[in-house]
Amino acid sequence: MVSTNTLDHLLEIEANAAALVNDAQSEADRRIRENDEKNRVLFDEKIKSEIQKNQSLLNSEIEKIKNDYNKTLDDYRRELSFVKADEEGFRRLLNNFLS
């Protein structure tokens, strides 16, 4: 028969082991939380940096497109300024069309 002292000693060892496992789990949870927070901060910084970079590229492209559009429109207006309107021909065309 196993003595009471032996059983008490084994129960004490089991309790110590359970406490060690709980402490290890708590430490692991704490480290995971810390790493999650650090990674979240790094992720947010990286995203903000990429957003700023892409916003800058977007603004530059928008400005380029506006300039190209204005140049094309100015060229078109300049070409139109050299074209003489044939009002008499337009009137004849309308009369033929409407008759």
PDB file of N, CA and C in Angstrom:
ATOM      1  N   MET A   1       0.827  -1.173   0.000  1.00  0.00           N
ATOM      2  CA  MET A   1       0.000   0.000   0.000  1.00  0.00           C
ATOM      3  C   MET A   1       0.883   1.252   0.000  1.00  0.00           C
ATOM      4  N   VAL A   2       0.472   2.215  -0.813  1.00  0.00           N
ATOM      5  CA  VAL A   2       1.255   3.440  -0.942  1.00  0.00           C
ATOM      6  C   VAL A   2       0.939   4.317   0.259  1.00  0.00           C
ATOM      7  N   SER A   3       1.988   4.846   0.800  1.00  0.00           N
ATOM      8  CA  SER A   3       1.783   5.665   1.994  1.00  0.00           C
ATOM      9  C   SER A   3       1.151   6.993   1.646  1.00  0.00           C
ATOM     10  N   THR A   4       0.544   7.612   2.630  1.00  0.00           N
ATOM     11  CA  THR A   4      -0.114   8.906   2.463  1.00  0.00           C
ATOM     12  C   THR A   4       0.900   9.968   2.104  1.00  0.00           C
ATOM     13  N   ASN A   5       2.094   9.864   2.671  1.00  0.00           N
ATOM     14  CA  ASN A   5       3.142  10.852   2.368  1.00  0.00           C
ATOM     15  C   ASN A   5       3.518  10.797   0.890  1.00  0.00           C
ATOM     16  N   THR A   6       3.579   9.608   0.324  1.00  0.00           N
ATOM     17  CA  THR A   6       3.927   9.457  -1.087  1.00  0.00           C
ATOM     18  C   THR A   6       2.837  10.058  -1.968  1.00  0.00           C
ATOM     19  N   LEU A   7       1.581   9.768  -1.638  1.00  0.00           N
ATOM     20  CA  LEU A   7       0.476  10.339  -2.411  1.00  0.00           C
ATOM     21  C   LEU A   7       0.436  11.862  -2.285  1.00  0.00           C
ATOM     22  N   ASP A   8       0.649  12.341  -1.102  1.00  0.00           N
ATOM     23  CA  ASP A   8       0.679  13.801  -0.901  1.00  0.00           C
ATOM     24  C   ASP A   8       1.806  14.432  -1.714  1.00  0.00           C
ATOM     25  N   HIS A   9       2.950  13.745  -1.712  1.00  0.00           N
ATOM     26  CA  HIS A   9       4.100  14.261  -2.472  1.00  0.00           C
ATOM     27  C   HIS A   9       3.792  14.271  -3.970  1.00  0.00           C
ATOM     28  N   LEU A  10       3.166  13.206  -4.481  1.00  0.00           N
ATOM     29  CA  LEU A  10       2.804  13.144  -5.903  1.00  0.00           C
ATOM     30  C   LEU A  10       1.757  14.213  -6.246  1.00  0.00           C
ATOM     31  N   LEU A  11       0.815  14.427  -5.368  1.00  0.00           N
ATOM     32  CA  LEU A  11      -0.189  15.485  -5.592  1.00  0.00           C
ATOM     33  C   LEU A  11       0.460  16.858  -5.593  1.00  0.00           C
ATOM     34  N   GLU A  12       1.435  17.055  -4.744  1.00  0.00           N
ATOM     35  CA  GLU A  12       2.158  18.334  -4.702  1.00  0.00           C
ATOM     36  C   GLU A  12       2.935  18.544  -6.001  1.00  0.00           C
ATOM     37  N   ILE A  13       3.577  17.480  -6.489  1.00  0.00           N
ATOM     38  CA  ILE A  13       4.323  17.563  -7.759  1.00  0.00           C
ATOM     39  C   ILE A  13       3.356  17.882  -8.897  1.00  0.00           C
ATOM     40  N   GLU A  14       2.198  17.225  -8.909  1.00  0.00           N
ATOM     41  CA  GLU A  14       1.202  17.479  -9.959  1.00  0.00           C
ATOM     42  C   GLU A  14       0.696  18.909  -9.884  1.00  0.00           C
ATOM     43  N   ALA A  15       0.486  19.419  -8.694  1.00  0.00           N
ATOM     44  CA  ALA A  15       0.028  20.802  -8.519  1.00  0.00           C
ATOM     45  C   ALA A  15       1.096  21.781  -9.004  1.00  0.00           C
ATOM     46  N   ASN A  16       2.355  21.483  -8.689  1.00  0.00           N
ATOM     47  CA  ASN A  16       3.464  22.340  -9.158  1.00  0.00           C
ATOM     48  C   ASN A  16       3.555  22.309 -10.689  1.00  0.00           C
ATOM     49  N   ALA A  17       3.375  21.119 -11.262  1.00  0.00           N
ATOM     50  CA  ALA A  17       3.418  20.991 -12.725  1.00  0.00           C
ATOM     51  C   ALA A  17       2.269  21.775 -13.356  1.00  0.00           C
ATOM     52  N   ALA A  18       1.087  21.685 -12.781  1.00  0.00           N
ATOM     53  CA  ALA A  18      -0.062  22.429 -13.306  1.00  0.00           C
ATOM     54  C   ALA A  18       0.186  23.927 -13.204  1.00  0.00           C
ATOM     55  N   ALA A  19       0.768  24.378 -12.111  1.00  0.00           N
ATOM     56  CA  ALA A  19       1.078  25.800 -11.939  1.00  0.00           C
ATOM     57  C   ALA A  19       2.106  26.237 -12.978  1.00  0.00           C
ATOM     58  N   LEU A  20       3.103  25.379 -13.226  1.00  0.00           N
ATOM     59  CA  LEU A  20       4.123  25.694 -14.239  1.00  0.00           C
ATOM     60  C   LEU A  20       3.489  25.814 -15.622  1.00  0.00           C
ATOM     61  N   VAL A  21       2.595  24.893 -15.951  1.00  0.00           N
ATOM     62  CA  VAL A  21       1.922  24.931 -17.247  1.00  0.00           C
ATOM     63  C   VAL A  21       1.073  26.201 -17.354  1.00  0.00           C
ATOM     64  N   ASN A  22       0.359  26.560 -16.294  1.00  0.00           N
ATOM     65  CA  ASN A  22      -0.447  27.786 -16.299  1.00  0.00           C
ATOM     66  C   ASN A  22       0.421  29.029 -16.467  1.00  0.00           C
ATOM     67  N   ASP A  23       1.560  29.048 -15.758  1.00  0.00           N
ATOM     68  CA  ASP A  23       2.485  30.187 -15.891  1.00  0.00           C
ATOM     69  C   ASP A  23       3.032  30.279 -17.315  1.00  0.00           C
ATOM     70  N   ALA A  24       3.381  29.123 -17.886  1.00  0.00           N
ATOM     71  CA  ALA A  24       3.908  29.110 -19.248  1.00  0.00           C
ATOM     72  C   ALA A  24       2.849  29.580 -20.239  1.00  0.00           C
ATOM     73  N   GLN A  25       1.607  29.149 -20.043  1.00  0.00           N
ATOM     74  CA  GLN A  25       0.522  29.585 -20.924  1.00  0.00           C
ATOM     75  C   GLN A  25       0.279  31.080 -20.792  1.00  0.00           C
ATOM     76  N   SER A  26       0.334  31.588 -19.578  1.00  0.00           N
ATOM     77  CA  SER A  26       0.156  33.028 -19.362  1.00  0.00           C
ATOM     78  C   SER A  26       1.269  33.818 -20.038  1.00  0.00           C
ATOM     79  N   GLU A  27       2.490  33.331 -19.910  1.00  0.00           N
ATOM     80  CA  GLU A  27       3.627  34.007 -20.545  1.00  0.00           C
ATOM     81  C   GLU A  27       3.491  33.963 -22.074  1.00  0.00           C
ATOM     82  N   ALA A  28       3.092  32.823 -22.604  1.00  0.00           N
ATOM     83  CA  ALA A  28       2.901  32.700 -24.055  1.00  0.00           C
ATOM     84  C   ALA A  28       1.804  33.657 -24.525  1.00  0.00           C
ATOM     85  N   ASP A  29       0.709  33.724 -23.795  1.00  0.00           N
ATOM     86  CA  ASP A  29      -0.380  34.643 -24.159  1.00  0.00           C
ATOM     87  C   ASP A  29       0.093  36.094 -24.133  1.00  0.00           C
ATOM     88  N   ARG A  30       0.884  36.440 -23.103  1.00  0.00           N
ATOM     89  CA  ARG A  30       1.405  37.813 -23.001  1.00  0.00           C
ATOM     90  C   ARG A  30       2.306  38.139 -24.197  1.00  0.00           C
ATOM     91  N   ARG A  31       3.189  37.213 -24.546  1.00  0.00           N
ATOM     92  CA  ARG A  31       4.094  37.443 -25.678  1.00  0.00           C
ATOM     93  C   ARG A  31       3.323  37.562 -26.995  1.00  0.00           C
ATOM     94  N   ILE A  32       2.326  36.727 -27.146  1.00  0.00           N
ATOM     95  CA  ILE A  32       1.508  36.799 -28.366  1.00  0.00           C
ATOM     96  C   ILE A  32       0.808  38.149 -28.446  1.00  0.00           C
ATOM     97  N   ARG A  33       0.250  38.606 -27.327  1.00  0.00           N
ATOM     98  CA  ARG A  33      -0.414  39.924 -27.304  1.00  0.00           C
ATOM     99  C   ARG A  33       0.558  41.045 -27.665  1.00  0.00           C
ATOM    100  N   GLU A  34       1.759  40.999 -27.069  1.00  0.00           N
ATOM    101  CA  GLU A  34       2.762  42.032 -27.360  1.00  0.00           C
ATOM    102  C   GLU A  34       3.144  42.024 -28.831  1.00  0.00           C
ATOM    103  N   ASN A  35       3.367  40.825 -29.382  1.00  0.00           N
ATOM    104  CA  ASN A  35       3.738  40.734 -30.797  1.00  0.00           C
ATOM    105  C   ASN A  35       2.601  41.194 -31.700  1.00  0.00           C
ATOM    106  N   ASP A  36       1.373  40.856 -31.317  1.00  0.00           N
ATOM    107  CA  ASP A  36       0.222  41.316 -32.100  1.00  0.00           C
ATOM    108  C   ASP A  36       0.162  42.839 -32.119  1.00  0.00           C
ATOM    109  N   GLU A  37       0.379  43.457 -30.975  1.00  0.00           N
ATOM    110  CA  GLU A  37       0.350  44.923 -30.899  1.00  0.00           C
ATOM    111  C   GLU A  37       1.469  45.537 -31.742  1.00  0.00           C
ATOM    112  N   LYS A  38       2.679  44.973 -31.622  1.00  0.00           N
ATOM    113  CA  LYS A  38       3.805  45.488 -32.408  1.00  0.00           C
ATOM    114  C   LYS A  38       3.532  45.338 -33.902  1.00  0.00           C
ATOM    115  N   ASN A  39       3.035  44.160 -34.286  1.00  0.00           N
ATOM    116  CA  ASN A  39       2.759  43.917 -35.704  1.00  0.00           C
ATOM    117  C   ASN A  39       1.645  44.818 -36.217  1.00  0.00           C
ATOM    118  N   ARG A  40       0.654  45.086 -35.386  1.00  0.00           N
ATOM    119  CA  ARG A  40      -0.435  45.978 -35.791  1.00  0.00           C
ATOM    120  C   ARG A  40       0.095  47.401 -36.034  1.00  0.00           C
ATOM    121  N   VAL A  41       0.971  47.844 -35.143  1.00  0.00           N
ATOM    122  CA  VAL A  41       1.563  49.177 -35.297  1.00  0.00           C
ATOM    123  C   VAL A  41       2.411  49.231 -36.574  1.00  0.00           C
ATOM    124  N   LEU A  42       3.237  48.208 -36.790  1.00  0.00           N
ATOM    125  CA  LEU A  42       4.070  48.174 -38.000  1.00  0.00           C
ATOM    126  C   LEU A  42       3.209  48.119 -39.259  1.00  0.00           C
ATOM    127  N   PHE A  43       2.155  47.335 -39.213  1.00  0.00           N
ATOM    128  CA  PHE A  43       1.249  47.233 -40.352  1.00  0.00           C
ATOM    129  C   PHE A  43       0.600  48.584 -40.644  1.00  0.00           C
ATOM    130  N   ASP A  44       0.105  49.242 -39.603  1.00  0.00           N
ATOM    131  CA  ASP A  44      -0.527  50.551 -39.784  1.00  0.00           C
ATOM    132  C   ASP A  44       0.446  51.569 -40.371  1.00  0.00           C
ATOM    133  N   GLU A  45       1.690  51.555 -39.882  1.00  0.00           N
ATOM    134  CA  GLU A  45       2.693  52.485 -40.412  1.00  0.00           C
ATOM    135  C   GLU A  45       2.973  52.198 -41.884  1.00  0.00           C
ATOM    136  N   LYS A  46       3.098  50.921 -42.224  1.00  0.00           N
ATOM    137  CA  LYS A  46       3.377  50.535 -43.613  1.00  0.00           C
ATOM    138  C   LYS A  46       2.208  50.921 -44.518  1.00  0.00           C
ATOM    139  N   ILE A  47       0.990  50.676 -44.063  1.00  0.00           N
ATOM    140  CA  ILE A  47      -0.190  51.024 -44.859  1.00  0.00           C
ATOM    141  C   ILE A  47      -0.253  52.534 -45.067  1.00  0.00           C
ATOM    142  N   LYS A  48      -0.035  53.303 -44.007  1.00  0.00           N
ATOM    143  CA  LYS A  48      -0.070  54.767 -44.138  1.00  0.00           C
ATOM    144  C   LYS A  48       0.989  55.253 -45.114  1.00  0.00           C
ATOM    145  N   SER A  49       2.173  54.649 -45.037  1.00  0.00           N
ATOM    146  CA  SER A  49       3.250  55.024 -45.954  1.00  0.00           C
ATOM    147  C   SER A  49       2.866  54.718 -47.400  1.00  0.00           C
ATOM    148  N   GLU A  50       2.294  53.539 -47.633  1.00  0.00           N
ATOM    149  CA  GLU A  50       1.882  53.160 -48.988  1.00  0.00           C
ATOM    150  C   GLU A  50       0.746  54.063 -49.481  1.00  0.00           C
ATOM    151  N   ILE A  51      -0.170  54.395 -48.604  1.00  0.00           N
ATOM    152  CA  ILE A  51      -1.274  55.285 -48.985  1.00  0.00           C
ATOM    153  C   ILE A  51      -0.724  56.644 -49.400  1.00  0.00           C
ATOM    154  N   GLN A  52       0.201  57.181 -48.617  1.00  0.00           N
ATOM    155  CA  GLN A  52       0.785  58.481 -48.958  1.00  0.00           C
ATOM    156  C   GLN A  52       1.537  58.418 -50.288  1.00  0.00           C
ATOM    157  N   LYS A  53       2.288  57.341 -50.483  1.00  0.00           N
ATOM    158  CA  LYS A  53       3.040  57.181 -51.737  1.00  0.00           C
ATOM    159  C   LYS A  53       2.081  57.097 -52.920  1.00  0.00           C
ATOM    160  N   ASN A  54       1.048  56.272 -52.777  1.00  0.00           N
ATOM    161  CA  ASN A  54       0.093  56.109 -53.871  1.00  0.00           C
ATOM    162  C   ASN A  54      -0.719  57.374 -54.099  1.00  0.00           C
ATOM    163  N   GLN A  55      -1.044  58.103 -53.038  1.00  0.00           N
ATOM    164  CA  GLN A  55      -1.771  59.360 -53.193  1.00  0.00           C
ATOM    165  C   GLN A  55      -0.919  60.369 -53.949  1.00  0.00           C
ATOM    166  N   SER A  56       0.362  60.389 -53.644  1.00  0.00           N
ATOM    167  CA  SER A  56       1.281  61.284 -54.339  1.00  0.00           C
ATOM    168  C   SER A  56       1.368  60.925 -55.825  1.00  0.00           C
ATOM    169  N   LEU A  57       1.478  59.623 -56.119  1.00  0.00           N
ATOM    170  CA  LEU A  57       1.517  59.185 -57.516  1.00  0.00           C
ATOM    171  C   LEU A  57       0.209  59.526 -58.226  1.00  0.00           C
ATOM    172  N   LEU A  58      -0.897  59.313 -57.534  1.00  0.00           N
ATOM    173  CA  LEU A  58      -2.207  59.626 -58.111  1.00  0.00           C
ATOM    174  C   LEU A  58      -2.314  61.113 -58.430  1.00  0.00           C
ATOM    175  N   ASN A  59      -1.938  61.951 -57.481  1.00  0.00           N
ATOM    176  CA  ASN A  59      -2.003  63.405 -57.704  1.00  0.00           C
ATOM    177  C   ASN A  59      -1.124  63.822 -58.876  1.00  0.00           C
ATOM    178  N   SER A  60       0.039  63.210 -58.980  1.00  0.00           N
ATOM    179  CA  SER A  60       0.941  63.537 -60.085  1.00  0.00           C
ATOM    180  C   SER A  60       0.336  63.104 -61.423  1.00  0.00           C
ATOM    181  N   GLU A  61      -0.282  61.926 -61.470  1.00  0.00           N
ATOM    182  CA  GLU A  61      -0.933  61.458 -62.698  1.00  0.00           C
ATOM    183  C   GLU A  61      -2.130  62.338 -63.057  1.00  0.00           C
ATOM    184  N   ILE A  62      -2.899  62.714 -62.064  1.00  0.00           N
ATOM    185  CA  ILE A  62      -4.052  63.597 -62.311  1.00  0.00           C
ATOM    186  C   ILE A  62      -3.576  64.918 -62.904  1.00  0.00           C
ATOM    187  N   GLU A  63      -2.523  65.467 -62.351  1.00  0.00           N
ATOM    188  CA  GLU A  63      -1.984  66.733 -62.858  1.00  0.00           C
ATOM    189  C   GLU A  63      -1.484  66.571 -64.289  1.00  0.00           C
ATOM    190  N   LYS A  64      -0.821  65.460 -64.575  1.00  0.00           N
ATOM    191  CA  LYS A  64      -0.324  65.202 -65.934  1.00  0.00           C
ATOM    192  C   LYS A  64      -1.496  65.083 -66.915  1.00  0.00           C
ATOM    193  N   ILE A  65      -2.535  64.359 -66.520  1.00  0.00           N
ATOM    194  CA  ILE A  65      -3.705  64.184 -67.393  1.00  0.00           C
ATOM    195  C   ILE A  65      -4.401  65.522 -67.633  1.00  0.00           C
ATOM    196  N   LYS A  66      -4.523  66.325 -66.590  1.00  0.00           N
ATOM    197  CA  LYS A  66      -5.134  67.651 -66.753  1.00  0.00           C
ATOM    198  C   LYS A  66      -4.330  68.505 -67.730  1.00  0.00           C
ATOM    199  N   ASN A  67      -3.012  68.468 -67.585  1.00  0.00           N
ATOM    200  CA  ASN A  67      -2.157  69.251 -68.486  1.00  0.00           C
ATOM    201  C   ASN A  67      -2.281  68.759 -69.923  1.00  0.00           C
ATOM    202  N   ASP A  68      -2.282  67.431 -70.099  1.00  0.00           N
ATOM    203  CA  ASP A  68      -2.440  66.879 -71.452  1.00  0.00           C
ATOM    204  C   ASP A  68      -3.801  67.264 -72.041  1.00  0.00           C
ATOM    205  N   TYR A  69      -4.836  67.183 -71.227  1.00  0.00           N
ATOM    206  CA  TYR A  69      -6.186  67.538 -71.671  1.00  0.00           C
ATOM    207  C   TYR A  69      -6.246  69.011 -72.087  1.00  0.00           C
ATOM    208  N   ASN A  70      -5.702  69.880 -71.240  1.00  0.00           N
ATOM    209  CA  ASN A  70      -5.717  71.308 -71.563  1.00  0.00           C
ATOM    210  C   ASN A  70      -4.916  71.619 -72.824  1.00  0.00           C
ATOM    211  N   LYS A  71      -3.794  70.928 -73.011  1.00  0.00           N
ATOM    212  CA  LYS A  71      -2.986  71.148 -74.214  1.00  0.00           C
ATOM    213  C   LYS A  71      -3.764  70.691 -75.454  1.00  0.00           C
ATOM    214  N   THR A  72      -4.396  69.519 -75.371  1.00  0.00           N
ATOM    215  CA  THR A  72      -5.178  69.013 -76.503  1.00  0.00           C
ATOM    216  C   THR A  72      -6.335  69.955 -76.817  1.00  0.00           C
ATOM    217  N   LEU A  73      -7.007  70.432 -75.789  1.00  0.00           N
ATOM    218  CA  LEU A  73      -8.127  71.354 -75.979  1.00  0.00           C
ATOM    219  C   LEU A  73      -7.646  72.674 -76.588  1.00  0.00           C
ATOM    220  N   ASP A  74      -6.524  73.189 -76.120  1.00  0.00           N
ATOM    221  CA  ASP A  74      -5.968  74.425 -76.686  1.00  0.00           C
ATOM    222  C   ASP A  74      -5.575  74.227 -78.151  1.00  0.00           C
ATOM    223  N   ASP A  75      -4.967  73.071 -78.458  1.00  0.00           N
ATOM    224  CA  ASP A  75      -4.599  72.783 -79.849  1.00  0.00           C
ATOM    225  C   ASP A  75      -5.849  72.726 -80.728  1.00  0.00           C
ATOM    226  N   TYR A  76      -6.886  72.082 -80.242  1.00  0.00           N
ATOM    227  CA  TYR A  76      -8.137  71.979 -80.990  1.00  0.00           C
ATOM    228  C   TYR A  76      -8.747  73.358 -81.216  1.00  0.00           C
ATOM    229  N   ARG A  77      -8.772  74.174 -80.189  1.00  0.00           N
ATOM    230  CA  ARG A  77      -9.312  75.536 -80.327  1.00  0.00           C
ATOM    231  C   ARG A  77      -8.499  76.354 -81.322  1.00  0.00           C
ATOM    232  N   ARG A  78      -7.182  76.165 -81.275  1.00  0.00           N
ATOM    233  CA  ARG A  78      -6.315  76.901 -82.202  1.00  0.00           C
ATOM    234  C   ARG A  78      -6.599  76.465 -83.647  1.00  0.00           C
ATOM    235  N   GLU A  79      -6.770  75.161 -83.861  1.00  0.00           N
ATOM    236  CA  GLU A  79      -7.092  74.669 -85.200  1.00  0.00           C
ATOM    237  C   GLU A  79      -8.440  75.207 -85.663  1.00  0.00           C
ATOM    238  N   LEU A  80      -9.402  75.257 -84.764  1.00  0.00           N
ATOM    239  CA  LEU A  80     -10.728  75.762 -85.120  1.00  0.00           C
ATOM    240  C   LEU A  80     -10.695  77.255 -85.459  1.00  0.00           C
ATOM    241  N   SER A  81      -9.778  77.969 -84.831  1.00  0.00           N
ATOM    242  CA  SER A  81      -9.721  79.410 -85.091  1.00  0.00           C
ATOM    243  C   SER A  81      -9.287  79.704 -86.537  1.00  0.00           C
ATOM    244  N   PHE A  82      -8.593  78.743 -87.188  1.00  0.00           N
ATOM    245  CA  PHE A  82      -8.152  78.942 -88.568  1.00  0.00           C
ATOM    246  C   PHE A  82      -9.191  78.486 -89.581  1.00  0.00           C
ATOM    247  N   VAL A  83     -10.220  77.797 -89.115  1.00  0.00           N
ATOM    248  CA  VAL A  83     -11.250  77.287 -90.018  1.00  0.00           C
ATOM    249  C   VAL A  83     -12.321  78.353 -90.190  1.00  0.00           C
ATOM    250  N   LYS A  84     -12.610  78.643 -91.467  1.00  0.00           N
ATOM    251  CA  LYS A  84     -13.639  79.632 -91.757  1.00  0.00           C
ATOM    252  C   LYS A  84     -14.975  78.918 -91.858  1.00  0.00           C
ATOM    253  N   ALA A  85     -15.948  79.460 -91.174  1.00  0.00           N
ATOM    254  CA  ALA A  85     -17.279  78.850 -91.207  1.00  0.00           C
ATOM    255  C   ALA A  85     -17.934  79.128 -92.549  1.00  0.00           C
ATOM    256  N   ASP A  86     -18.471  78.096 -93.161  1.00  0.00           N
ATOM    257  CA  ASP A  86     -19.187  78.218 -94.429  1.00  0.00           C
ATOM    258  C   ASP A  86     -20.680  78.320 -94.107  1.00  0.00           C
ATOM    259  N   GLU A  87     -21.090  79.521 -93.714  1.00  0.00           N
ATOM    260  CA  GLU A  87     -22.471  79.722 -93.286  1.00  0.00           C
ATOM    261  C   GLU A  87     -23.458  79.493 -94.432  1.00  0.00           C
ATOM    262  N   GLU A  88     -23.105  79.932 -95.619  1.00  0.00           N
ATOM    263  CA  GLU A  88     -24.014  79.761 -96.768  1.00  0.00           C
ATOM    264  C   GLU A  88     -24.186  78.284 -97.101  1.00  0.00           C
ATOM    265  N   GLY A  89     -23.111  77.532 -97.086  1.00  0.00           N
ATOM    266  CA  GLY A  89     -23.179  76.095 -97.343  1.00  0.00           C
ATOM    267  C   GLY A  89     -23.992  75.384 -96.261  1.00  0.00           C
ATOM    268  N   PHE A  90     -23.852  75.836 -95.017  1.00  0.00           N
ATOM    269  CA  PHE A  90     -24.610  75.239 -93.920  1.00  0.00           C
ATOM    270  C   PHE A  90     -26.102  75.498 -94.090  1.00  0.00           C
ATOM    271  N   ARG A  91     -26.446  76.724 -94.510  1.00  0.00           N
ATOM    272  CA  ARG A  91     -27.853  77.059 -94.736  1.00  0.00           C
ATOM    273  C   ARG A  91     -28.439  76.201 -95.826  1.00  0.00           C
ATOM    274  N   ARG A  92     -27.689  76.032 -96.933  1.00  0.00           N
ATOM    275  CA  ARG A  92     -28.183  75.184 -98.051  1.00  0.00           C
ATOM    276  C   ARG A  92     -28.381  73.751 -97.588  1.00  0.00           C
ATOM    277  N   LEU A  93     -27.462  73.237 -96.808  1.00  0.00           N
ATOM    278  CA  LEU A  93     -27.557  71.884 -96.294  1.00  0.00           C
ATOM    279  C   LEU A  93     -28.803  71.726 -95.423  1.00  0.00           C
ATOM    280  N   LEU A  94     -29.053  72.700 -94.553  1.00  0.00           N
ATOM    281  CA  LEU A  94     -30.240  72.650 -93.699  1.00  0.00           C
ATOM    282  C   LEU A  94     -31.511  72.735 -94.525  1.00  0.00           C
ATOM    283  N   ASN A  95     -31.526  73.631 -95.506  1.00  0.00           N
ATOM    284  CA  ASN A  95     -32.710  73.762 -96.354  1.00  0.00           C
ATOM    285  C   ASN A  95     -32.982  72.457 -97.109  1.00  0.00           C
ATOM    286  N   ASN A  96     -31.930  71.832 -97.634  1.00  0.00           N
ATOM    287  CA  ASN A  96     -32.103  70.573 -98.334  1.00  0.00           C
ATOM    288  C   ASN A  96     -32.590  69.481 -97.399  1.00  0.00           C
ATOM    289  N   PHE A  97     -32.078  69.483 -96.224  1.00  0.00           N
ATOM    290  CA  PHE A  97     -32.427  68.463 -95.223  1.00  0.00           C
ATOM    291  C   PHE A  97     -33.867  68.650 -94.740  1.00  0.00           C
ATOM    292  N   LEU A  98     -34.254  69.890 -94.504  1.00  0.00           N
ATOM    293  CA  LEU A  98     -35.580  70.173 -93.958  1.00  0.00           C
ATOM    294  C   LEU A  98     -36.654  70.204 -95.038  1.00  0.00           C
ATOM    295  N   SER A  99     -36.264  70.278 -96.310  1.00  0.00           N
ATOM    296  CA  SER A  99     -37.257  70.346 -97.395  1.00  0.00           C
ATOM    297  C   SER A  99     -37.769  68.989 -97.752  1.00  0.00           C
TER     298      SER A  99
END
